[in-house]
Amino acid sequence: MNHSRRGFIKNMIGGTIVLSLDHFKLPQNLASHPFKLGMIADLHQDIMHDSAERLNSFIYEMKKIETDANIQLGDFAIPRPQNYTLINEFNQSNKEVLHVIGNHDTDLGFTKEEVLKVWKMTEPYYSKEIKGIKIIVLDGNETGSPTYKGGYPSFIGDTQASWLEQELKNASKPVLIFSHQPLAGPGSIDNASEIRRILEPFSENILLCLNGHTHIDGVIQINGISYLHLNSASYYWVGSNYSHLSYAENIHEQHPNIANTCPYRDPIYSHLEIDFNKKELRIDSKSSVWVGESPHQLNVPSALEMKTPFQVIPGITNRTYAI
């Protein structure tokens, strides 16, 4: 792989991230039929009182724009019976649906195997080709991290890392990589730098890496690869020290953890569109407002926006990439 060929390497030019797919032999019909992928992250069915309405809004909008596939990026719904209807609705939202396992999807003592069974997944990490795009889904919930300090595991083990490297070596199509926990930026997995070292020799093949988990909006570029944090569908977590009421008291009585969040009034989600005719990759914007007090109004301390390109906002920013 010749990295001296600048046309194959992503470069930031005038605020637009430039990608190149010139080295791929793409199917001829891609130019007239853009690839559309619906994306929703961190719905948190087991925290929010209106998750079903938020998911239904996503499904309705994705059907209107006729996405080729829909993906949810984790922290979706614990595999307990009261969530089966919601899970099945997502699974029926498109002929192609993709799941990413989040750290909270095994709360209340549920196992990863139960998540796989109820969500109708075959493996916790996998790849799939859809309309000339290779999608790689990772599982950042593995144990075995040498730097583990407690809490939820946030790690990709050796077996999965080797599998990832082989998938990239075999890739003959442009690649999108999805994970729940980030591979770069705030909240990254314990061995993020090691995983990025696996990715970087294949930077000319990788369109984007996308994750949920952080409930923030932003993208960071490291060594020719862009890592995009997709905001939550539902809220920004502020914790028990900033507990407050955003909704009516009866809602908080039935859903007590909402008090530890700053919810978004409207559901937040996006879709990614790759238009080979226009030579563009676009992330659709979505915006809302806070319900009740915002993190800023609550004086939640954060150096995030001063030190990183990420924002705590009730929305997803529109982004365009030239390819």
Protein backbone atom coordinates (compact mmCIF):
# COMPACT_ATOMS: atom_id res chain seq x y z
CA MET A 1 0.00 0.00 0.00
CA ASN A 2 1.71 3.18 -1.20
CA HIS A 3 1.06 6.02 1.24
CA SER A 4 3.16 8.47 -0.76
CA ARG A 5 0.25 8.78 -3.20
CA ARG A 6 -1.42 11.87 -1.77
CA GLY A 7 -4.64 11.27 -3.68
CA PHE A 8 -5.19 8.17 -1.58
CA ILE A 9 -4.73 9.90 1.77
CA LYS A 10 -7.36 11.96 3.56
CA ASN A 11 -6.39 15.60 3.88
CA MET A 12 -8.10 18.57 5.51
CA ILE A 13 -8.62 21.22 2.83
CA GLY A 14 -10.53 24.41 3.62
CA GLY A 15 -12.50 22.78 6.43
CA THR A 16 -13.66 19.89 4.25
CA ILE A 17 -12.17 16.45 4.81
CA VAL A 18 -11.15 15.06 1.45
CA LEU A 19 -11.32 11.31 0.89
CA SER A 20 -10.34 9.38 -2.21
CA LEU A 21 -11.90 6.24 -3.63
CA ASP A 22 -10.04 6.31 -6.93
CA HIS A 23 -8.22 3.06 -6.20
CA PHE A 24 -11.42 1.04 -5.73
CA LYS A 25 -13.17 -0.78 -8.53
CA LEU A 26 -16.72 0.18 -7.59
CA PRO A 27 -19.89 -1.32 -9.08
CA GLN A 28 -21.12 0.78 -12.00
CA ASN A 29 -24.61 1.29 -10.54
CA LEU A 30 -23.29 3.10 -7.46
CA ALA A 31 -22.98 6.43 -9.27
CA SER A 32 -26.72 6.62 -9.95
CA HIS A 33 -27.85 5.12 -6.63
CA PRO A 34 -26.26 6.77 -3.56
CA PHE A 35 -25.74 4.64 -0.48
CA LYS A 36 -27.90 5.80 2.46
CA LEU A 37 -27.44 4.56 6.01
CA GLY A 38 -29.78 5.55 8.86
CA MET A 39 -27.95 5.99 12.18
CA ILE A 40 -29.23 6.26 15.75
CA ALA A 41 -27.17 5.99 18.95
CA ASP A 42 -27.80 5.69 22.67
CA LEU A 43 -31.58 5.54 22.64
CA HIS A 44 -31.53 4.27 26.26
CA GLN A 45 -34.91 2.60 26.26
CA ASP A 46 -34.35 1.60 29.89
CA ILE A 47 -33.88 5.19 31.08
CA MET A 48 -36.13 7.37 28.94
CA HIS A 49 -39.91 7.41 29.18
CA ASP A 50 -40.44 8.21 25.48
CA SER A 51 -37.89 5.98 23.76
CA ALA A 52 -40.54 4.25 21.66
CA GLU A 53 -41.65 7.60 20.21
CA ARG A 54 -38.04 8.56 19.52
CA LEU A 55 -37.37 5.29 17.71
CA ASN A 56 -40.61 5.57 15.75
CA SER A 57 -39.58 9.05 14.59
CA PHE A 58 -36.25 7.63 13.37
CA ILE A 59 -37.92 4.73 11.56
CA TYR A 60 -40.48 7.03 9.91
CA GLU A 61 -37.81 9.46 8.66
CA MET A 62 -35.53 6.69 7.38
CA LYS A 63 -38.40 5.15 5.43
CA LYS A 64 -39.13 8.53 3.87
CA ILE A 65 -35.59 8.90 2.58
CA GLU A 66 -35.42 5.18 1.66
CA THR A 67 -32.24 4.18 3.46
CA ASP A 68 -30.42 1.07 2.28
CA ALA A 69 -29.77 0.02 5.88
CA ASN A 70 -30.28 1.23 9.44
CA ILE A 71 -27.80 0.90 12.28
CA GLN A 72 -28.10 1.51 16.01
CA LEU A 73 -24.82 2.22 17.82
CA GLY A 74 -25.52 0.68 21.23
CA ASP A 75 -27.05 1.47 24.62
CA PHE A 76 -30.28 0.59 22.89
CA ALA A 77 -32.45 -1.76 24.94
CA ILE A 78 -31.75 -4.40 27.57
CA PRO A 79 -32.97 -7.80 26.29
CA ARG A 80 -35.86 -8.13 28.73
CA PRO A 81 -39.43 -8.99 27.68
CA GLN A 82 -40.86 -5.47 28.06
CA ASN A 83 -38.36 -4.32 25.42
CA TYR A 84 -39.08 -7.00 22.83
CA THR A 85 -41.61 -4.90 20.91
CA LEU A 86 -39.21 -1.96 20.54
CA ILE A 87 -36.32 -4.22 19.52
CA ASN A 88 -38.48 -5.97 16.93
CA GLU A 89 -39.66 -2.64 15.52
CA PHE A 90 -36.06 -1.66 14.84
CA ASN A 91 -35.33 -5.09 13.35
CA GLN A 92 -38.24 -4.63 10.95
CA SER A 93 -37.35 -1.03 10.03
CA ASN A 94 -35.33 -2.01 6.97
CA LYS A 95 -34.36 -5.08 4.99
CA GLU A 96 -30.83 -4.47 6.32
CA VAL A 97 -30.45 -3.68 10.03
CA LEU A 98 -27.22 -3.56 11.99
CA HIS A 99 -26.65 -3.60 15.74
CA VAL A 100 -23.72 -2.44 17.84
CA ILE A 101 -23.60 -3.66 21.44
CA GLY A 102 -23.26 -0.91 24.07
CA ASN A 103 -22.03 -1.20 27.64
CA HIS A 104 -25.51 -0.61 29.10
CA ASP A 105 -27.18 -3.28 26.96
CA THR A 106 -26.08 -5.93 29.48
CA ASP A 107 -27.33 -4.03 32.55
CA LEU A 108 -29.46 -5.75 35.21
CA GLY A 109 -27.37 -8.91 34.94
CA PHE A 110 -28.13 -9.74 31.32
CA THR A 111 -25.38 -11.41 29.32
CA LYS A 112 -23.96 -10.59 25.92
CA GLU A 113 -25.29 -13.93 24.69
CA GLU A 114 -28.82 -12.87 25.68
CA VAL A 115 -28.37 -9.60 23.81
CA LEU A 116 -27.28 -11.50 20.70
CA LYS A 117 -30.26 -13.83 20.87
CA VAL A 118 -32.96 -11.20 21.48
CA TRP A 119 -31.52 -8.65 19.06
CA LYS A 120 -31.12 -11.45 16.47
CA MET A 121 -27.37 -10.96 16.03
CA THR A 122 -25.08 -13.86 15.17
CA GLU A 123 -21.81 -12.38 16.51
CA PRO A 124 -20.85 -9.43 18.74
CA TYR A 125 -18.50 -8.15 16.03
CA TYR A 126 -18.88 -8.74 12.31
CA SER A 127 -18.62 -7.27 8.81
CA LYS A 128 -21.17 -6.91 6.05
CA GLU A 129 -21.08 -5.51 2.53
CA ILE A 130 -24.04 -3.35 1.51
CA LYS A 131 -24.22 -1.62 -1.87
CA GLY A 132 -20.50 -1.57 -2.43
CA ILE A 133 -19.58 -0.44 1.09
CA LYS A 134 -17.90 -2.74 3.61
CA ILE A 135 -19.29 -2.11 7.10
CA ILE A 136 -17.25 -3.35 10.06
CA VAL A 137 -18.95 -3.46 13.47
CA LEU A 138 -16.74 -3.79 16.54
CA ASP A 139 -17.43 -4.89 20.11
CA GLY A 140 -15.72 -2.61 22.62
CA ASN A 141 -17.07 -4.46 25.66
CA GLU A 142 -14.44 -7.17 25.97
CA THR A 143 -12.59 -7.97 29.18
CA GLY A 144 -8.86 -8.44 29.61
CA SER A 145 -7.63 -4.85 29.53
CA PRO A 146 -4.25 -4.55 31.33
CA THR A 147 -5.22 -1.00 32.33
CA TYR A 148 -8.75 -1.82 33.58
CA LYS A 149 -9.64 0.38 36.56
CA GLY A 150 -13.18 -0.73 37.28
CA GLY A 151 -16.63 -0.07 35.87
CA TYR A 152 -17.77 -1.28 32.48
CA PRO A 153 -15.13 -3.07 30.36
CA SER A 154 -13.97 -0.91 27.46
CA PHE A 155 -11.50 -2.94 25.44
CA ILE A 156 -10.95 -4.88 22.21
CA GLY A 157 -9.09 -8.12 22.80
CA ASP A 158 -6.39 -9.78 20.74
CA THR A 159 -8.70 -12.16 18.86
CA GLN A 160 -11.00 -9.38 17.70
CA ALA A 161 -8.04 -7.12 16.89
CA SER A 162 -6.52 -9.84 14.68
CA TRP A 163 -9.88 -10.37 13.00
CA LEU A 164 -10.14 -6.61 12.36
CA GLU A 165 -6.71 -6.50 10.75
CA GLN A 166 -7.58 -9.42 8.47
CA GLU A 167 -10.88 -7.80 7.48
CA LEU A 168 -9.03 -4.64 6.48
CA LYS A 169 -6.42 -6.60 4.53
CA ASN A 170 -9.18 -8.34 2.61
CA ALA A 171 -11.24 -5.20 1.96
CA SER A 172 -11.82 -4.51 -1.73
CA LYS A 173 -14.50 -1.89 -1.05
CA PRO A 174 -14.57 1.40 0.89
CA VAL A 175 -14.87 0.75 4.64
CA LEU A 176 -17.07 2.26 7.37
CA ILE A 177 -16.20 1.22 10.94
CA PHE A 178 -18.74 1.37 13.76
CA SER A 179 -18.24 0.89 17.49
CA HIS A 180 -20.12 1.91 20.60
CA GLN A 181 -17.14 3.18 22.58
CA PRO A 182 -14.86 5.57 20.67
CA LEU A 183 -11.58 4.57 19.09
CA ALA A 184 -10.37 8.17 19.45
CA GLY A 185 -11.34 11.25 21.44
CA PRO A 186 -13.14 11.41 24.82
CA GLY A 187 -14.26 8.10 26.32
CA SER A 188 -12.05 5.93 24.13
CA ILE A 189 -11.52 2.22 24.79
CA ASP A 190 -8.52 1.31 26.95
CA ASN A 191 -6.41 0.17 24.00
CA ALA A 192 -7.57 2.79 21.49
CA SER A 193 -4.04 3.68 20.41
CA GLU A 194 -3.27 0.02 19.64
CA ILE A 195 -6.45 -0.35 17.57
CA ARG A 196 -5.69 2.86 15.69
CA ARG A 197 -2.28 1.44 14.81
CA ILE A 198 -4.08 -1.49 13.18
CA LEU A 199 -6.32 0.90 11.23
CA GLU A 200 -3.73 3.40 10.06
CA PRO A 201 -1.96 1.28 7.40
CA PHE A 202 -5.39 1.04 5.73
CA SER A 203 -6.33 4.72 6.08
CA GLU A 204 -6.85 5.08 2.33
CA ASN A 205 -9.63 2.46 2.53
CA ILE A 206 -11.45 3.80 5.61
CA LEU A 207 -14.10 6.43 4.95
CA LEU A 208 -15.01 7.08 8.59
CA CYS A 209 -15.03 5.51 12.04
CA LEU A 210 -18.25 6.29 13.90
CA ASN A 211 -19.23 5.70 17.53
CA GLY A 212 -21.87 6.51 20.12
CA HIS A 213 -21.38 6.31 23.91
CA THR A 214 -20.24 9.86 24.65
CA HIS A 215 -23.50 11.73 23.92
CA ILE A 216 -21.54 14.55 22.29
CA ASP A 217 -21.16 15.94 18.78
CA GLY A 218 -17.87 16.18 16.95
CA VAL A 219 -15.16 14.59 14.84
CA ILE A 220 -11.42 14.24 15.28
CA GLN A 221 -8.85 13.29 12.66
CA ILE A 222 -5.76 11.27 13.59
CA ASN A 223 -3.19 10.11 11.05
CA GLY A 224 -5.52 10.31 8.08
CA ILE A 225 -8.59 8.71 9.69
CA SER A 226 -11.65 10.61 10.90
CA TYR A 227 -13.42 9.49 14.09
CA LEU A 228 -16.97 10.83 14.44
CA HIS A 229 -18.95 10.79 17.70
CA LEU A 230 -22.66 10.46 16.97
CA ASN A 231 -24.82 12.14 19.60
CA SER A 232 -27.39 10.32 21.70
CA ALA A 233 -30.98 10.09 20.53
CA SER A 234 -32.16 11.13 23.95
CA TYR A 235 -30.00 13.09 26.40
CA TYR A 236 -26.70 14.23 27.87
CA TRP A 237 -25.82 12.53 31.17
CA VAL A 238 -24.97 14.89 34.07
CA GLY A 239 -25.04 12.46 37.01
CA SER A 240 -26.58 12.41 40.46
CA ASN A 241 -24.70 15.51 41.64
CA TYR A 242 -26.78 17.53 39.18
CA SER A 243 -30.05 15.65 39.58
CA HIS A 244 -33.06 17.81 38.67
CA LEU A 245 -36.59 17.57 37.26
CA SER A 246 -37.03 18.18 33.56
CA TYR A 247 -40.48 16.62 33.18
CA ALA A 248 -43.59 16.23 35.29
CA GLU A 249 -43.12 14.57 38.68
CA ASN A 250 -45.04 11.42 37.70
CA ILE A 251 -42.62 10.81 34.80
CA HIS A 252 -39.64 11.10 37.14
CA GLU A 253 -41.28 8.78 39.65
CA GLN A 254 -41.63 6.09 37.00
CA HIS A 255 -38.26 6.79 35.36
CA PRO A 256 -35.96 8.04 38.14
CA ASN A 257 -32.71 8.06 36.13
CA ILE A 258 -34.02 10.80 33.85
CA ALA A 259 -33.29 13.20 36.71
CA ASN A 260 -29.58 12.57 36.09
CA THR A 261 -29.83 13.72 32.47
CA CYS A 262 -30.43 16.82 30.41
CA PRO A 263 -32.89 15.47 27.84
CA TYR A 264 -33.30 16.60 24.26
CA ARG A 265 -36.86 17.71 23.45
CA ASP A 266 -36.79 15.99 20.06
CA PRO A 267 -35.20 12.68 19.06
CA ILE A 268 -31.70 13.08 17.63
CA TYR A 269 -30.49 10.82 14.82
CA SER A 270 -28.90 11.15 11.41
CA HIS A 271 -28.23 9.45 8.13
CA LEU A 272 -25.04 9.07 6.17
CA GLU A 273 -25.19 9.36 2.40
CA ILE A 274 -22.42 8.46 -0.02
CA ASP A 275 -23.05 9.96 -3.45
CA PHE A 276 -20.45 8.65 -5.89
CA ASN A 277 -21.87 10.80 -8.69
CA LYS A 278 -21.39 14.04 -6.72
CA LYS A 279 -18.27 12.62 -5.05
CA GLU A 280 -19.58 13.46 -1.58
CA LEU A 281 -20.14 11.77 1.76
CA ARG A 282 -22.63 13.66 3.89
CA ILE A 283 -23.75 13.40 7.50
CA ASP A 284 -27.24 14.86 7.89
CA SER A 285 -27.81 17.40 10.68
CA LYS A 286 -30.46 17.17 13.37
CA SER A 287 -31.10 19.73 16.07
CA SER A 288 -33.31 20.18 19.10
CA VAL A 289 -33.38 22.12 22.38
CA TRP A 290 -32.91 21.09 25.99
CA VAL A 291 -35.87 20.04 28.10
CA GLY A 292 -35.53 22.08 31.28
CA GLU A 293 -32.10 23.28 32.36
CA SER A 294 -29.06 22.71 30.15
CA PRO A 295 -25.71 21.38 31.42
CA HIS A 296 -24.40 24.95 31.23
CA GLN A 297 -27.29 26.29 33.32
CA LEU A 298 -26.65 23.54 35.88
CA ASN A 299 -22.97 24.57 35.99
CA VAL A 300 -21.82 21.08 35.05
CA PRO A 301 -18.02 21.38 34.90
CA SER A 302 -16.50 20.39 31.57
CA ALA A 303 -13.30 21.28 29.79
CA LEU A 304 -14.51 19.29 26.77
CA GLU A 305 -15.34 22.21 24.48
CA MET A 306 -12.21 24.15 25.40
CA LYS A 307 -9.78 21.29 24.81
CA THR A 308 -11.34 19.24 22.02
CA PRO A 309 -13.32 19.73 18.79
CA PHE A 310 -16.39 18.21 20.49
CA GLN A 311 -19.56 19.94 21.66
CA VAL A 312 -22.21 19.30 24.31
CA ILE A 313 -25.29 20.24 22.29
CA PRO A 314 -28.77 18.84 21.65
CA GLY A 315 -28.00 17.95 18.07
CA ILE A 316 -25.83 16.51 15.32
CA THR A 317 -23.89 18.81 13.01
CA ASN A 318 -24.07 18.54 9.24
CA ARG A 319 -20.75 17.49 7.72
CA THR A 320 -19.69 17.03 4.10
CA TYR A 321 -16.68 15.04 2.93
CA ALA A 322 -15.35 15.18 -0.63
CA ILE A 323 -14.46 11.78 -2.04
